Protein backbone atom coordinates (compact mmCIF):
# COMPACT_ATOMS: atom_id res chain seq x y z
CA MET A 1 -8.74 -3.20 25.92
CA GLN A 2 -5.71 -0.98 25.33
CA SER A 3 -2.49 -2.87 25.98
CA ALA A 4 -0.12 -1.93 28.75
CA GLY A 5 3.04 -0.31 27.53
CA LYS A 6 1.52 1.19 24.36
CA GLN A 7 2.95 4.59 23.49
CA THR A 8 0.97 6.85 21.21
CA GLY A 9 1.02 10.53 20.35
CA LEU A 10 0.22 12.22 17.09
CA GLU A 11 3.01 14.74 17.36
CA SER A 12 5.72 12.07 17.64
CA GLY A 13 4.74 10.46 14.35
CA ILE A 14 5.96 7.15 15.76
CA GLY A 15 3.98 3.94 15.47
CA ALA A 16 2.52 2.11 18.44
CA GLU A 17 4.86 0.22 20.77
CA PHE A 18 3.80 -2.74 22.88
CA SER A 19 5.24 -4.78 25.66
CA ALA A 20 6.65 -8.15 24.70
CA GLU A 21 4.05 -9.77 26.93
CA GLN A 22 1.05 -8.47 24.97
CA GLN A 23 -1.47 -11.26 24.50
CA ALA A 24 -2.30 -12.57 21.05
CA VAL A 25 -5.79 -11.91 19.73
CA LYS A 26 -6.92 -15.50 19.23
CA PRO A 27 -8.91 -16.92 16.31
CA GLY A 28 -12.63 -16.52 16.92
CA ALA A 29 -12.21 -12.84 17.81
CA ALA A 30 -13.72 -10.02 15.74
CA ILE A 31 -11.45 -7.77 13.68
CA GLY A 32 -12.72 -4.28 12.85
CA LEU A 33 -11.72 -2.70 9.55
CA LEU A 34 -11.65 1.01 8.79
CA GLY A 35 -12.36 0.89 5.06
CA GLY A 36 -14.39 -1.52 2.99
CA GLY A 37 -12.50 -1.65 -0.30
CA GLN A 38 -10.73 -4.50 -2.03
CA LEU A 39 -7.85 -4.59 0.45
CA GLY A 40 -10.30 -5.09 3.30
CA ARG A 41 -12.12 -7.74 1.27
CA MET A 42 -8.96 -9.77 0.68
CA MET A 43 -7.89 -9.30 4.30
CA ALA A 44 -11.25 -10.61 5.51
CA LEU A 45 -11.11 -13.61 3.17
CA ALA A 46 -7.62 -14.50 4.43
CA GLY A 47 -8.49 -13.92 8.09
CA THR A 48 -11.70 -15.92 7.88
CA ASN A 49 -9.60 -18.97 7.06
CA LEU A 50 -7.89 -18.48 10.43
CA GLY A 51 -11.26 -18.32 12.19
CA TYR A 52 -11.60 -14.57 12.69
CA ARG A 53 -14.82 -12.63 12.16
CA PHE A 54 -14.83 -9.20 10.49
CA VAL A 55 -16.84 -5.99 10.65
CA THR A 56 -16.03 -3.03 8.40
CA LEU A 57 -16.86 0.67 8.55
CA ASP A 58 -17.31 2.19 5.10
CA PRO A 59 -19.65 4.84 3.61
CA THR A 60 -20.47 2.76 0.51
CA PRO A 61 -23.36 0.29 0.88
CA ASP A 62 -22.46 -3.21 -0.34
CA SER A 63 -18.77 -2.36 -0.38
CA PRO A 64 -16.32 -5.04 -1.60
CA CYS A 65 -15.46 -5.91 2.00
CA GLY A 66 -19.07 -5.58 3.11
CA GLN A 67 -19.95 -8.45 0.75
CA VAL A 68 -17.85 -10.86 2.85
CA ALA A 69 -18.11 -9.23 6.31
CA ASP A 70 -20.56 -7.32 8.47
CA GLN A 71 -20.68 -3.62 7.54
CA ILE A 72 -21.39 -0.37 9.37
CA VAL A 73 -22.39 2.12 6.67
CA ALA A 74 -21.09 5.53 7.76
CA ALA A 75 -18.51 8.19 6.96
CA TYR A 76 -14.97 7.53 8.16
CA SER A 77 -15.18 10.71 10.24
CA ASP A 78 -18.39 9.58 12.01
CA LYS A 79 -17.38 9.22 15.66
CA GLU A 80 -20.59 7.46 16.68
CA ALA A 81 -19.99 4.84 13.99
CA ALA A 82 -16.41 4.54 15.25
CA ARG A 83 -17.73 3.85 18.74
CA GLU A 84 -20.00 1.13 17.35
CA LEU A 85 -17.03 -0.41 15.54
CA ALA A 86 -15.06 -0.39 18.81
CA GLN A 87 -17.91 -2.13 20.62
CA ARG A 88 -18.18 -4.87 18.00
CA ALA A 89 -14.46 -5.54 17.43
CA ASP A 90 -11.72 -7.01 19.63
CA VAL A 91 -8.96 -5.42 17.54
CA ILE A 92 -9.11 -2.75 14.80
CA THR A 93 -7.01 -2.18 11.70
CA TYR A 94 -7.29 -0.04 8.57
CA GLU A 95 -7.03 -0.87 4.88
CA PHE A 96 -5.95 2.54 3.57
CA GLU A 97 -4.11 5.48 5.10
CA ASN A 98 -6.52 8.32 4.30
CA VAL A 99 -8.77 7.57 7.25
CA ASP A 100 -9.37 10.30 9.82
CA SER A 101 -6.42 10.18 12.25
CA GLU A 102 -8.61 11.72 14.97
CA VAL A 103 -11.04 8.82 14.60
CA ALA A 104 -8.11 6.41 14.77
CA ALA A 105 -6.97 8.15 17.97
CA LEU A 106 -10.49 7.85 19.42
CA LEU A 107 -10.53 4.16 18.60
CA GLU A 108 -7.22 3.75 20.44
CA GLU A 109 -8.96 5.00 23.57
CA LEU A 110 -11.94 2.69 23.11
CA SER A 111 -10.38 -0.46 21.71
CA SER A 112 -7.10 -1.97 20.53
CA VAL A 113 -5.55 -0.41 17.40
CA PRO A 114 -2.13 -2.06 17.19
CA GLN A 115 -1.01 0.09 14.23
CA GLY A 116 -1.68 3.23 16.26
CA SER A 117 -2.69 6.66 15.04
CA GLY A 118 0.90 7.92 15.08
CA LEU A 119 1.91 5.94 12.00
CA LEU A 120 -1.15 7.27 10.17
CA TYR A 121 -0.20 10.80 11.20
CA THR A 122 3.26 10.28 9.69
CA THR A 123 2.33 8.59 6.43
CA GLN A 124 -0.62 10.89 5.68
CA HIS A 125 1.80 13.80 5.22
CA ARG A 126 4.68 13.63 2.74
CA LEU A 127 6.99 15.96 4.67
CA ARG A 128 6.57 14.08 7.95
CA GLU A 129 6.99 10.82 6.06
CA LYS A 130 10.24 11.91 4.40
CA ARG A 131 11.68 13.08 7.71
CA ALA A 132 10.78 9.75 9.32
CA ILE A 133 12.48 7.83 6.50
CA GLU A 134 15.59 9.98 6.87
CA ALA A 135 15.53 9.38 10.64
CA ALA A 136 15.79 5.66 9.85
CA GLY A 137 19.01 6.36 7.95
CA VAL A 138 17.47 5.77 4.52
CA GLN A 139 17.82 8.20 1.64
CA VAL A 140 14.95 9.95 -0.12
CA ALA A 141 15.07 12.20 -3.17
CA PRO A 142 16.25 15.73 -2.23
CA TYR A 143 13.19 17.83 -1.40
CA ALA A 144 11.99 21.20 -0.14
CA GLU A 145 8.93 22.42 1.73
CA ILE A 146 7.07 24.97 -0.40
CA ARG A 147 5.01 27.78 1.16
CA SER A 148 4.96 30.36 -1.64
CA GLU A 149 5.56 30.74 -5.36
CA ALA A 150 8.84 32.49 -4.55
CA GLU A 151 9.99 29.50 -2.51
CA LEU A 152 9.00 27.22 -5.37
CA ARG A 153 11.09 29.23 -7.84
CA GLU A 154 14.08 29.13 -5.51
CA ALA A 155 13.70 25.38 -4.91
CA VAL A 156 13.35 24.61 -8.62
CA GLY A 157 16.54 26.55 -9.21
CA ARG A 158 18.29 24.47 -6.55
CA LEU A 159 16.83 21.02 -7.26
CA GLY A 160 16.70 21.41 -11.02
CA ILE A 161 14.31 20.78 -13.91
CA PRO A 162 12.44 18.49 -14.18
CA SER A 163 11.23 18.36 -10.59
CA VAL A 164 7.98 17.14 -9.05
CA LEU A 165 5.61 19.36 -7.06
CA LYS A 166 3.21 17.42 -4.82
CA THR A 167 0.55 18.17 -2.25
CA ALA A 168 1.74 17.12 1.20
CA THR A 169 -1.53 15.35 1.94
CA GLY A 170 -3.92 13.31 -0.21
CA GLY A 171 -3.07 12.32 -3.73
CA TYR A 172 -2.69 8.83 -5.14
CA ASP A 173 -2.26 7.21 -8.56
CA GLY A 174 -0.61 10.43 -9.80
CA LYS A 175 -3.24 12.83 -8.43
CA GLY A 176 -2.07 15.90 -6.52
CA GLN A 177 1.23 16.29 -8.36
CA TRP A 178 2.79 18.22 -11.23
CA VAL A 179 6.04 17.44 -13.04
CA ILE A 180 7.62 20.85 -13.68
CA ARG A 181 9.51 20.65 -16.96
CA SER A 182 10.18 24.37 -17.54
CA GLU A 183 10.27 27.60 -15.55
CA ASP A 184 7.19 28.73 -17.49
CA GLU A 185 5.12 26.11 -15.60
CA ILE A 186 6.05 27.25 -12.09
CA ALA A 187 3.29 29.83 -11.57
CA GLU A 188 0.52 27.57 -12.91
CA ALA A 189 1.76 24.53 -11.00
CA TYR A 190 1.85 26.46 -7.73
CA ALA A 191 -1.57 28.06 -8.29
CA THR A 192 -3.17 24.74 -9.19
CA LEU A 193 -1.81 22.61 -6.35
CA SER A 194 -1.91 25.24 -3.59
CA ARG A 195 -5.66 25.87 -3.92
CA GLY A 196 -7.39 25.82 -0.58
CA GLY A 197 -4.13 26.41 1.25
CA ALA A 198 -2.71 22.95 0.52
CA GLU A 199 0.80 22.34 1.84
CA LEU A 200 3.29 21.48 -0.89
CA VAL A 201 6.60 19.69 -1.26
CA LEU A 202 9.00 19.79 -4.22
CA GLU A 203 11.05 16.69 -5.00
CA GLN A 204 14.08 16.40 -7.22
CA PHE A 205 13.24 14.22 -10.23
CA ILE A 206 15.12 10.93 -9.90
CA LYS A 207 16.11 9.37 -13.19
CA PHE A 208 15.42 5.80 -12.20
CA GLU A 209 16.02 2.54 -14.00
CA LYS A 210 13.36 0.55 -12.14
CA GLU A 211 10.64 1.04 -9.56
CA LEU A 212 10.77 -1.46 -6.71
CA SER A 213 8.64 -2.13 -3.66
CA VAL A 214 9.00 -4.29 -0.59
CA ILE A 215 6.23 -5.27 1.83
CA ALA A 216 7.52 -5.57 5.41
CA ALA A 217 5.49 -6.99 8.29
CA ARG A 218 6.17 -6.27 11.96
CA SER A 219 4.30 -7.63 14.96
CA PRO A 220 3.90 -6.05 18.42
CA ARG A 221 6.45 -8.55 19.72
CA GLY A 222 8.99 -7.00 17.33
CA GLU A 223 9.21 -9.85 14.81
CA ILE A 224 9.83 -8.62 11.24
CA LYS A 225 9.47 -10.47 7.93
CA THR A 226 9.85 -9.01 4.44
CA PHE A 227 8.39 -10.31 1.19
CA PRO A 228 10.61 -10.52 -1.91
CA ALA A 229 11.12 -7.23 -3.74
CA ALA A 230 8.72 -6.56 -6.61
CA GLU A 231 9.59 -4.69 -9.78
CA ASN A 232 6.69 -2.41 -10.66
CA ILE A 233 5.56 -0.98 -13.99
CA HIS A 234 3.25 2.04 -13.91
CA VAL A 235 1.13 3.35 -16.77
CA ASP A 236 -0.44 6.81 -16.39
CA ASN A 237 0.74 6.80 -12.75
CA ILE A 238 -1.33 3.66 -11.98
CA LEU A 239 0.32 0.34 -11.20
CA HIS A 240 0.02 -1.90 -14.22
CA ALA A 241 2.15 -4.94 -13.31
CA SER A 242 4.40 -6.28 -10.56
CA ILE A 243 7.19 -8.69 -11.48
CA VAL A 244 8.69 -11.09 -8.95
CA PRO A 245 11.54 -11.87 -8.76
CA ALA A 246 12.45 -8.33 -9.73
CA ARG A 247 14.79 -8.08 -12.69
CA ALA A 248 17.60 -6.69 -10.55
CA ALA A 249 20.78 -8.13 -9.07
CA ALA A 250 20.37 -10.32 -5.99
CA ASP A 251 22.35 -7.89 -3.80
CA ILE A 252 20.07 -5.01 -4.89
CA GLN A 253 16.97 -7.02 -3.97
CA ALA A 254 18.46 -7.95 -0.60
CA HIS A 255 19.37 -4.32 0.08
CA ALA A 256 15.84 -3.17 -0.77
CA GLU A 257 14.42 -5.72 1.68
CA GLU A 258 16.88 -4.60 4.38
CA LEU A 259 15.85 -0.95 3.92
CA ALA A 260 12.17 -1.84 4.30
CA SER A 261 12.93 -3.80 7.46
CA ARG A 262 14.97 -0.89 8.84
CA ILE A 263 12.15 1.60 8.24
CA ALA A 264 9.53 -0.69 9.81
CA GLU A 265 11.71 -1.07 12.89
CA SER A 266 12.49 2.65 13.15
CA LEU A 267 8.82 3.60 12.89
CA GLY A 268 7.74 0.90 15.32
CA ALA A 269 5.26 -0.18 12.67
CA VAL A 270 2.71 -2.90 13.41
CA GLY A 271 1.09 -4.76 10.54
CA LEU A 272 2.26 -4.25 6.98
CA LEU A 273 4.38 -1.41 5.68
CA ALA A 274 4.75 -1.08 1.90
CA VAL A 275 7.95 0.72 0.91
CA GLU A 276 8.11 2.07 -2.65
CA MET A 277 11.57 2.79 -4.09
CA PHE A 278 13.45 4.09 -7.11
CA LEU A 279 16.51 2.16 -8.35
CA THR A 280 19.00 4.18 -10.40
CA ALA A 281 21.40 2.90 -13.06
CA ASP A 282 24.32 3.13 -10.62
CA GLY A 283 22.56 0.96 -8.03
CA GLN A 284 21.35 3.72 -5.68
CA ILE A 285 18.00 3.20 -3.97
CA TYR A 286 15.78 6.13 -2.97
CA VAL A 287 12.62 5.53 -0.96
CA ASN A 288 9.68 7.29 -2.57
CA GLU A 289 6.58 6.53 -0.47
CA LEU A 290 5.27 4.45 2.42
CA ALA A 291 1.87 2.83 2.89
CA PRO A 292 1.00 1.32 6.31
CA ARG A 293 -1.28 -1.41 4.98
CA PRO A 294 -1.55 -4.16 2.36
CA HIS A 295 -0.48 -2.84 -1.01
CA ASN A 296 -1.34 -3.39 -4.67
CA SER A 297 2.24 -4.46 -5.41
CA GLY A 298 1.93 -7.22 -2.80
CA HIS A 299 -1.04 -8.97 -4.41
CA TYR A 300 1.35 -11.45 -6.04
CA THR A 301 1.83 -13.04 -2.60
CA MET A 302 -1.68 -14.53 -2.65
CA GLU A 303 -0.65 -17.58 -4.67
CA ALA A 304 3.10 -17.16 -5.13
CA CYS A 305 4.28 -17.08 -1.48
CA THR A 306 4.01 -19.39 1.49
CA THR A 307 2.01 -16.68 3.31
CA SER A 308 -0.05 -13.95 1.59
CA GLN A 309 0.35 -10.30 2.55
CA PHE A 310 -3.24 -10.33 3.81
CA GLU A 311 -2.77 -13.29 6.14
CA GLN A 312 0.52 -11.75 7.30
CA HIS A 313 -1.23 -8.50 8.17
CA VAL A 314 -3.86 -10.35 10.20
CA ARG A 315 -1.13 -12.30 11.98
CA ALA A 316 0.77 -9.11 12.77
CA VAL A 317 -2.10 -7.03 14.16
CA CYS A 318 -3.28 -10.04 16.20
CA ASN A 319 0.27 -10.60 17.53
CA LEU A 320 0.49 -14.14 16.17
CA PRO A 321 3.86 -15.49 14.97
CA LEU A 322 4.51 -14.18 11.47
CA GLY A 323 4.41 -16.60 8.56
CA GLU A 324 7.27 -17.50 6.27
CA ALA A 325 7.39 -15.09 3.32
CA LYS A 326 9.15 -17.33 0.82
CA LEU A 327 8.54 -17.08 -2.94
CA LEU A 328 7.30 -20.40 -4.30
CA THR A 329 7.17 -19.55 -8.01
CA PRO A 330 7.97 -16.67 -10.35
CA VAL A 331 4.90 -14.50 -10.79
CA VAL A 332 3.61 -11.46 -12.65
CA MET A 333 0.63 -9.57 -11.22
CA VAL A 334 -1.39 -7.49 -13.67
CA ASN A 335 -4.11 -5.05 -12.63
CA VAL A 336 -7.60 -5.21 -14.11
CA LEU A 337 -8.94 -1.69 -14.61
CA GLY A 338 -12.42 -0.67 -15.65
CA GLU A 339 -11.53 -0.67 -19.33
CA HIS A 340 -10.30 -4.29 -19.06
CA LEU A 341 -13.10 -5.75 -16.94
CA GLU A 342 -15.59 -6.91 -19.59
CA GLN A 343 -13.01 -8.86 -21.56
CA VAL A 344 -11.52 -10.36 -18.40
CA ILE A 345 -14.97 -11.56 -17.29
CA GLU A 346 -15.69 -13.05 -20.74
CA ARG A 347 -12.40 -14.93 -20.92
CA THR A 348 -12.83 -16.24 -17.41
CA ALA A 349 -16.43 -17.32 -18.04
CA ASP A 350 -15.63 -19.13 -21.29
CA GLY A 351 -12.92 -21.12 -19.54
CA ALA A 352 -10.02 -19.71 -21.55
CA TRP A 353 -8.11 -18.82 -18.37
CA LEU A 354 -9.23 -21.58 -16.06
CA ASN A 355 -6.51 -24.02 -17.10
CA PRO A 356 -2.75 -23.48 -17.48
CA ALA A 357 -1.35 -22.92 -20.94
CA ASP A 358 2.21 -22.44 -22.20
CA GLY A 359 3.59 -22.67 -18.68
CA VAL A 360 1.39 -19.87 -17.28
CA VAL A 361 -1.29 -20.41 -14.64
CA PRO A 362 -3.67 -17.41 -14.36
CA LYS A 363 -5.36 -16.76 -11.00
CA VAL A 364 -8.18 -14.22 -11.40
CA HIS A 365 -9.29 -11.99 -8.51
CA LEU A 366 -12.24 -9.63 -9.04
CA TYR A 367 -13.29 -7.21 -6.32
CA GLY A 368 -17.09 -7.05 -6.62
CA LYS A 369 -17.22 -3.27 -7.03
CA SER A 370 -20.66 -2.01 -8.02
CA GLY A 371 -19.52 0.48 -10.65
CA SER A 372 -16.85 0.17 -13.30
CA ALA A 373 -15.01 3.15 -14.77
CA PRO A 374 -11.82 3.63 -16.80
CA LYS A 375 -8.67 3.60 -14.62
CA ARG A 376 -10.61 2.24 -11.63
CA LYS A 377 -9.03 -0.89 -10.11
CA MET A 378 -11.57 -3.70 -10.50
CA GLY A 379 -9.38 -6.74 -9.93
CA HIS A 380 -6.03 -8.34 -10.64
CA ILE A 381 -4.60 -11.52 -12.11
CA ASN A 382 -1.62 -13.41 -10.70
CA LEU A 383 0.25 -15.21 -13.46
CA LEU A 384 2.22 -18.10 -12.00
CA CYS A 385 4.99 -19.05 -14.41
CA GLN A 386 8.37 -20.69 -14.80
CA ASP A 387 9.98 -17.43 -15.85
CA VAL A 388 8.62 -13.88 -15.51
CA GLN A 389 9.04 -13.24 -19.23
CA GLN A 390 6.37 -15.90 -19.84
CA GLY A 391 3.96 -13.87 -17.72
CA LEU A 392 4.80 -10.64 -19.52
CA ASP A 393 4.34 -12.33 -22.89
CA TRP A 394 0.96 -13.72 -21.73
CA ILE A 395 -0.24 -10.20 -20.89
CA GLN A 396 0.81 -8.91 -24.30
CA GLN A 397 -0.71 -11.82 -26.21
CA THR A 398 -4.17 -11.39 -24.67
CA ASN A 399 -4.40 -8.03 -26.46
CA ILE A 400 -6.37 -6.67 -23.48
CA TRP A 401 -3.51 -4.62 -22.00
CA ARG A 402 -2.27 -3.09 -25.22
CA ASN A 403 1.33 -1.86 -25.19
CA GLN A 404 1.29 -1.23 -21.46
CA GLN A 405 4.65 -2.63 -20.43
CA ARG A 406 8.29 -2.06 -21.05
């Protein structure tokens, strides 16, 4: 089932390439998903509308995606389960980047994995990722590879204080990193993050004015579409809200979208590529991270754009023509974490949020996770509005998300 002309190779770090003649995977086919979380769930719901069937591989019984698709319950590293997924699916994609790249490579041999294992190999490792971004001609924050405490001291002296020490692999929502604010922290930061021989990278701290992200989609035929840039607000290193249109000049937004398109093209990405960025007061944009999948900051597209990020991803990996990515209405997306869930459920059940009020139309999405815990993402709400300030005011007035936005 592997397409002619596909180029793979973990060492290259380059995404899969396909011939222009590759056939589309037509509606009615089965799409395999590595990962059964909320991203897979929303992808399956969008793809089902196009007539696709879904099967997911995830170690958690009754996963969010498994509630709306067939599920193989097994570890992501289980090669026998991967073989079963390949047998049951016509095309395979993944919903998060921390899947086993060796399993992804095996699946390439057995089935069609349009995203390829090479892109996973690149984005699973911060140093490889930064070098790939630079190869696309896009700037990242100055950085240094760290292999010893002595190298860390030298790099801190060169890049300055504060600076950010991160593990090269793993880490999300602020995990696996340490903001070094004084020389006295260097030894402890290195000892803590280097446990188990973890590779480290030090980044210069960028004093940014806003955090932006752009979701780009690229198909095997080389078609690229970008969604409008989102302005993101993080609280405790977890995304709290995405604001679209971003409160930035039109030329800045256009430049951010062009950078995302350039990176997707350079990497030969297939499917979605989320590009997270820092915007400084003088208008400079630094790319911070990449994610080769649907992204939390793209959830606003579900009601606010002509095509959602999830439908766009399905279109891309199936080599269908990409959909228009036009913004239909201003929108603010707010995350529902474990500490917010009970009140969100109550206000949805009593009808308080089922009808528009004061120009704001709330659209509630809950993920069906079996266990709730503080800081765990349990859902999100898209607030369709006439002006993004209305959405921000709505969040504040509910008194559920207390003092969580600037």
